[in-house]
């Protein structure tokens, strides 16, 4: 198994999944697009993972490589039909690349919140073994406003109805950070855009409170990440 990972910020990596990759001998190559990385030929790879980032899907003037990234996602999902997993920005890019729409998340979701698995989600093999309702880490000010045609919404919340989608037989996106590790979240707090969103939404001292909340949920976060990983790898193979 060989996975291509598209990153948009050095601290927005596969997180806890990296330890799963190492344990199982999974090969993965990361391309840091925000640092000028070039997307390689897709054919040698078995799966594509697209991670989060501080930019928005419509920031193509400031980040013109987003145009090529969306084209690659569209080709991967529609032409090659290979397994895809998008997290946060990667979820939004999947929707946007396939004809859905994204818009502002009002108010932003920053913190630990519950999501509800939909009827479609309960039947989806990627969610097999997850509870009908579970807490997740959110850190976003953009949402998928309309899923692509034919996509199924797998998870939802009152503030953000499209929390997870299956946009093709083997293409999934999740708005929340299933990969979250406390060490990475500490790094996110140093990113000006992320810290501003956190403090604007949750006030002074928000970072410390968030870290405590994440620590309290760490065991459940890891268990859910392990379920998603196991299911994805089984489906990818």
Protein backbone atom coordinates (compact mmCIF):
# COMPACT_ATOMS: atom_id res chain seq x y z
CA UNK A 1 0.00 0.00 0.00
CA UNK A 2 1.38 3.39 -1.02
CA UNK A 3 -0.39 6.63 -0.11
CA UNK A 4 0.08 10.10 -1.56
CA UNK A 5 -0.56 12.83 1.03
CA UNK A 6 -1.19 16.43 -0.03
CA UNK A 7 -0.38 18.90 2.74
CA UNK A 8 -1.00 22.64 2.96
CA UNK A 9 0.86 23.34 6.21
CA UNK A 10 3.73 21.41 7.75
CA UNK A 11 1.81 20.83 11.00
CA UNK A 12 -1.31 19.63 9.11
CA UNK A 13 0.00 16.12 8.54
CA UNK A 14 -1.68 12.70 8.97
CA UNK A 15 -1.22 13.00 12.73
CA UNK A 16 -1.99 9.83 14.65
CA UNK A 17 -2.31 7.90 11.38
CA UNK A 18 1.47 8.13 11.00
CA UNK A 19 1.94 5.63 13.82
CA UNK A 20 -0.56 3.30 12.15
CA UNK A 21 1.33 3.61 8.85
CA UNK A 22 4.62 2.75 10.58
CA UNK A 23 3.11 -0.20 12.41
CA UNK A 24 1.66 -1.68 9.21
CA UNK A 25 4.55 -0.87 6.88
CA UNK A 26 2.45 1.51 4.78
CA UNK A 27 4.52 3.71 2.48
CA UNK A 28 3.45 7.34 2.18
CA UNK A 29 4.83 10.38 0.40
CA UNK A 30 3.90 13.90 1.51
CA UNK A 31 3.82 16.84 -0.90
CA UNK A 32 3.93 20.23 0.85
CA UNK A 33 1.97 22.31 -1.66
CA UNK A 34 2.29 25.58 0.27
CA UNK A 35 6.08 25.27 0.03
CA UNK A 36 6.08 24.75 -3.73
CA UNK A 37 5.86 20.97 -3.75
CA UNK A 38 4.87 19.37 -7.05
CA UNK A 39 2.24 16.66 -7.27
CA UNK A 40 3.88 13.57 -8.78
CA UNK A 41 2.42 11.08 -11.25
CA UNK A 42 -0.63 9.53 -9.65
CA UNK A 43 -0.50 6.04 -11.09
CA UNK A 44 2.01 4.53 -8.60
CA UNK A 45 -0.22 5.38 -5.63
CA UNK A 46 -3.03 3.32 -4.13
CA UNK A 47 -4.75 6.07 -2.13
CA UNK A 48 -4.84 9.87 -1.92
CA UNK A 49 -5.16 11.72 1.39
CA UNK A 50 -5.66 15.49 1.43
CA UNK A 51 -5.14 17.26 4.72
CA UNK A 52 -6.16 20.59 6.28
CA UNK A 53 -4.73 24.07 5.84
CA UNK A 54 -5.14 27.74 6.67
CA UNK A 55 -6.26 28.75 3.17
CA UNK A 56 -9.81 28.49 1.80
CA UNK A 57 -10.97 26.64 -1.31
CA UNK A 58 -11.61 29.90 -3.18
CA UNK A 59 -8.17 31.45 -2.44
CA UNK A 60 -6.90 30.60 -5.92
CA UNK A 61 -5.44 34.07 -6.58
CA UNK A 62 -3.23 33.87 -3.51
CA UNK A 63 -2.59 30.13 -3.83
CA UNK A 64 -2.83 29.30 -7.57
CA UNK A 65 -1.69 25.71 -6.96
CA UNK A 66 -5.20 25.09 -5.56
CA UNK A 67 -6.44 24.99 -9.17
CA UNK A 68 -4.14 22.09 -10.04
CA UNK A 69 -4.88 20.36 -6.75
CA UNK A 70 -8.62 20.40 -7.48
CA UNK A 71 -7.97 19.05 -10.97
CA UNK A 72 -5.91 16.22 -9.48
CA UNK A 73 -8.64 15.40 -6.95
CA UNK A 74 -11.27 15.36 -9.70
CA UNK A 75 -9.14 13.07 -11.88
CA UNK A 76 -8.30 10.79 -8.95
CA UNK A 77 -11.92 10.33 -7.91
CA UNK A 78 -13.76 10.42 -11.24
CA UNK A 79 -11.27 8.97 -13.71
CA UNK A 80 -9.01 6.72 -11.66
CA UNK A 81 -11.67 5.74 -9.12
CA UNK A 82 -9.09 5.17 -6.39
CA UNK A 83 -9.61 5.60 -2.62
CA UNK A 84 -9.60 9.18 -1.32
CA UNK A 85 -9.72 10.59 2.21
CA UNK A 86 -10.05 14.34 2.79
CA UNK A 87 -9.82 16.00 6.19
CA UNK A 88 -11.01 19.57 6.93
CA UNK A 89 -9.73 21.54 3.91
CA UNK A 90 -9.35 18.20 2.12
CA UNK A 91 -13.06 17.57 2.72
CA UNK A 92 -13.95 20.99 1.32
CA UNK A 93 -11.66 20.54 -1.70
CA UNK A 94 -13.30 17.21 -2.50
CA UNK A 95 -16.74 18.83 -2.50
CA UNK A 96 -15.57 21.84 -4.51
CA UNK A 97 -13.66 19.77 -7.08
CA UNK A 98 -16.70 17.61 -7.77
CA UNK A 99 -19.20 20.44 -8.19
CA UNK A 100 -20.38 21.10 -4.64
CA UNK A 101 -20.15 24.49 -2.95
CA UNK A 102 -18.42 25.84 0.16
CA UNK A 103 -19.15 28.95 2.18
CA UNK A 104 -18.42 30.62 5.52
CA UNK A 105 -19.05 28.65 8.69
CA UNK A 106 -21.03 31.01 10.94
CA UNK A 107 -20.12 30.87 13.74
CA UNK A 108 -16.79 29.11 13.24
CA UNK A 109 -16.49 25.70 14.89
CA UNK A 110 -13.34 25.58 17.01
CA UNK A 111 -13.26 23.07 19.83
CA UNK A 112 -14.59 19.66 20.72
CA UNK A 113 -18.16 19.09 19.52
CA UNK A 114 -20.38 16.09 18.91
CA UNK A 115 -21.38 14.91 15.45
CA UNK A 116 -24.31 12.65 14.63
CA UNK A 117 -23.99 9.77 12.17
CA UNK A 118 -26.78 9.93 9.58
CA UNK A 119 -28.77 6.99 8.28
CA UNK A 120 -26.44 6.89 5.26
CA UNK A 121 -23.46 6.99 7.61
CA UNK A 122 -24.74 4.04 9.61
CA UNK A 123 -24.75 2.01 6.40
CA UNK A 124 -21.36 3.25 5.16
CA UNK A 125 -18.45 0.82 5.57
CA UNK A 126 -16.01 3.59 6.52
CA UNK A 127 -18.09 4.32 9.63
CA UNK A 128 -18.54 0.69 10.62
CA UNK A 129 -17.92 0.42 14.37
CA UNK A 130 -18.36 4.12 15.20
CA UNK A 131 -20.96 5.20 17.74
CA UNK A 132 -24.10 6.95 16.44
CA UNK A 133 -22.89 10.13 18.17
CA UNK A 134 -19.28 10.92 19.06
CA UNK A 135 -17.07 13.93 19.95
CA UNK A 136 -14.60 15.32 17.41
CA UNK A 137 -12.10 18.15 17.18
CA UNK A 138 -13.27 20.99 14.93
CA UNK A 139 -11.21 23.96 13.72
CA UNK A 140 -12.82 25.55 10.68
CA UNK A 141 -14.44 28.78 9.51
CA UNK A 142 -15.55 27.36 6.12
CA UNK A 143 -18.05 24.58 5.55
CA UNK A 144 -19.40 22.49 2.71
CA UNK A 145 -22.63 24.33 1.98
CA UNK A 146 -23.84 21.87 -0.65
CA UNK A 147 -22.44 18.42 -1.22
CA UNK A 148 -21.70 17.36 -4.82
CA UNK A 149 -24.49 15.78 -6.81
CA UNK A 150 -24.84 12.13 -5.87
CA UNK A 151 -22.86 12.46 -2.64
CA UNK A 152 -24.22 11.09 0.62
CA UNK A 153 -23.94 13.00 3.90
CA UNK A 154 -22.57 10.59 6.52
CA UNK A 155 -22.37 12.82 9.60
CA UNK A 156 -23.94 16.09 10.66
CA UNK A 157 -24.17 18.64 13.46
CA UNK A 158 -26.53 21.54 14.19
CA UNK A 159 -23.95 24.18 13.19
CA UNK A 160 -22.54 22.30 10.19
CA UNK A 161 -24.96 19.91 8.47
CA UNK A 162 -22.33 18.41 6.14
CA UNK A 163 -19.72 17.02 8.53
CA UNK A 164 -18.78 14.00 6.43
CA UNK A 165 -19.56 12.80 2.93
CA UNK A 166 -19.01 9.93 0.56
CA UNK A 167 -18.70 11.64 -2.81
CA UNK A 168 -17.94 8.51 -4.85
CA UNK A 169 -17.82 4.77 -4.14
CA UNK A 170 -14.38 5.13 -2.51
CA UNK A 171 -14.03 8.88 -1.83
CA UNK A 172 -14.72 10.26 1.64
CA UNK A 173 -14.36 13.65 3.29
CA UNK A 174 -14.60 14.64 6.95
CA UNK A 175 -14.80 18.22 8.17
CA UNK A 176 -13.48 17.34 11.63
CA UNK A 177 -9.94 16.36 12.57
CA UNK A 178 -10.05 12.61 13.03
CA UNK A 179 -6.23 12.60 12.83
CA UNK A 180 -5.77 15.03 15.74
CA UNK A 181 -2.88 14.68 18.18
CA UNK A 182 -2.29 17.08 21.06
CA UNK A 183 1.26 17.86 19.89
CA UNK A 184 0.02 18.87 16.43
CA UNK A 185 -2.78 20.97 17.92
CA UNK A 186 -0.20 22.89 19.93
CA UNK A 187 1.55 23.70 16.65
CA UNK A 188 -1.75 24.81 15.10
CA UNK A 189 -2.07 27.30 17.94
CA UNK A 190 1.08 29.00 16.62
CA UNK A 191 -0.44 29.57 13.16
CA UNK A 192 -1.75 33.18 13.19
CA UNK A 193 -4.94 32.39 11.25
CA UNK A 194 -5.74 29.44 13.51
CA UNK A 195 -5.01 31.25 16.77
CA UNK A 196 -7.08 34.26 15.66
CA UNK A 197 -10.05 32.03 14.85
CA UNK A 198 -9.68 30.23 18.16
CA UNK A 199 -9.50 33.36 20.30
CA UNK A 200 -12.15 35.20 18.29
CA UNK A 201 -14.54 32.32 18.81
CA UNK A 202 -13.67 31.17 22.33
CA UNK A 203 -11.99 34.16 23.98
CA UNK A 204 -8.76 34.67 25.89
CA UNK A 205 -7.15 31.50 27.22
CA UNK A 206 -8.95 29.43 24.59
CA UNK A 207 -5.83 27.47 23.62
CA UNK A 208 -5.26 26.19 27.13
CA UNK A 209 -8.89 25.19 27.53
CA UNK A 210 -8.87 23.46 24.15
CA UNK A 211 -5.76 21.46 25.00
CA UNK A 212 -7.35 20.31 28.24
CA UNK A 213 -10.50 19.29 26.38
CA UNK A 214 -8.49 17.36 23.80
CA UNK A 215 -6.52 15.59 26.53
CA UNK A 216 -9.78 14.55 28.20
CA UNK A 217 -11.00 13.03 24.91
CA UNK A 218 -7.65 11.64 23.72
CA UNK A 219 -8.49 7.98 24.29
CA UNK A 220 -11.77 8.22 22.39
CA UNK A 221 -10.17 10.22 19.57
CA UNK A 222 -7.50 7.54 19.11
CA UNK A 223 -10.05 4.73 19.19
CA UNK A 224 -12.19 6.41 16.51
CA UNK A 225 -9.12 7.15 14.37
CA UNK A 226 -8.15 3.48 14.58
CA UNK A 227 -11.64 2.44 13.42
CA UNK A 228 -11.59 4.83 10.46
CA UNK A 229 -8.06 3.76 9.54
CA UNK A 230 -8.85 0.06 9.70
CA UNK A 231 -12.00 0.49 7.63
CA UNK A 232 -10.31 2.72 5.04
CA UNK A 233 -7.38 0.36 4.56
CA UNK A 234 -9.69 -2.61 4.18
CA UNK A 235 -11.76 -0.75 1.57
CA UNK A 236 -8.65 0.55 -0.20
CA UNK A 237 -7.23 -2.94 -0.57
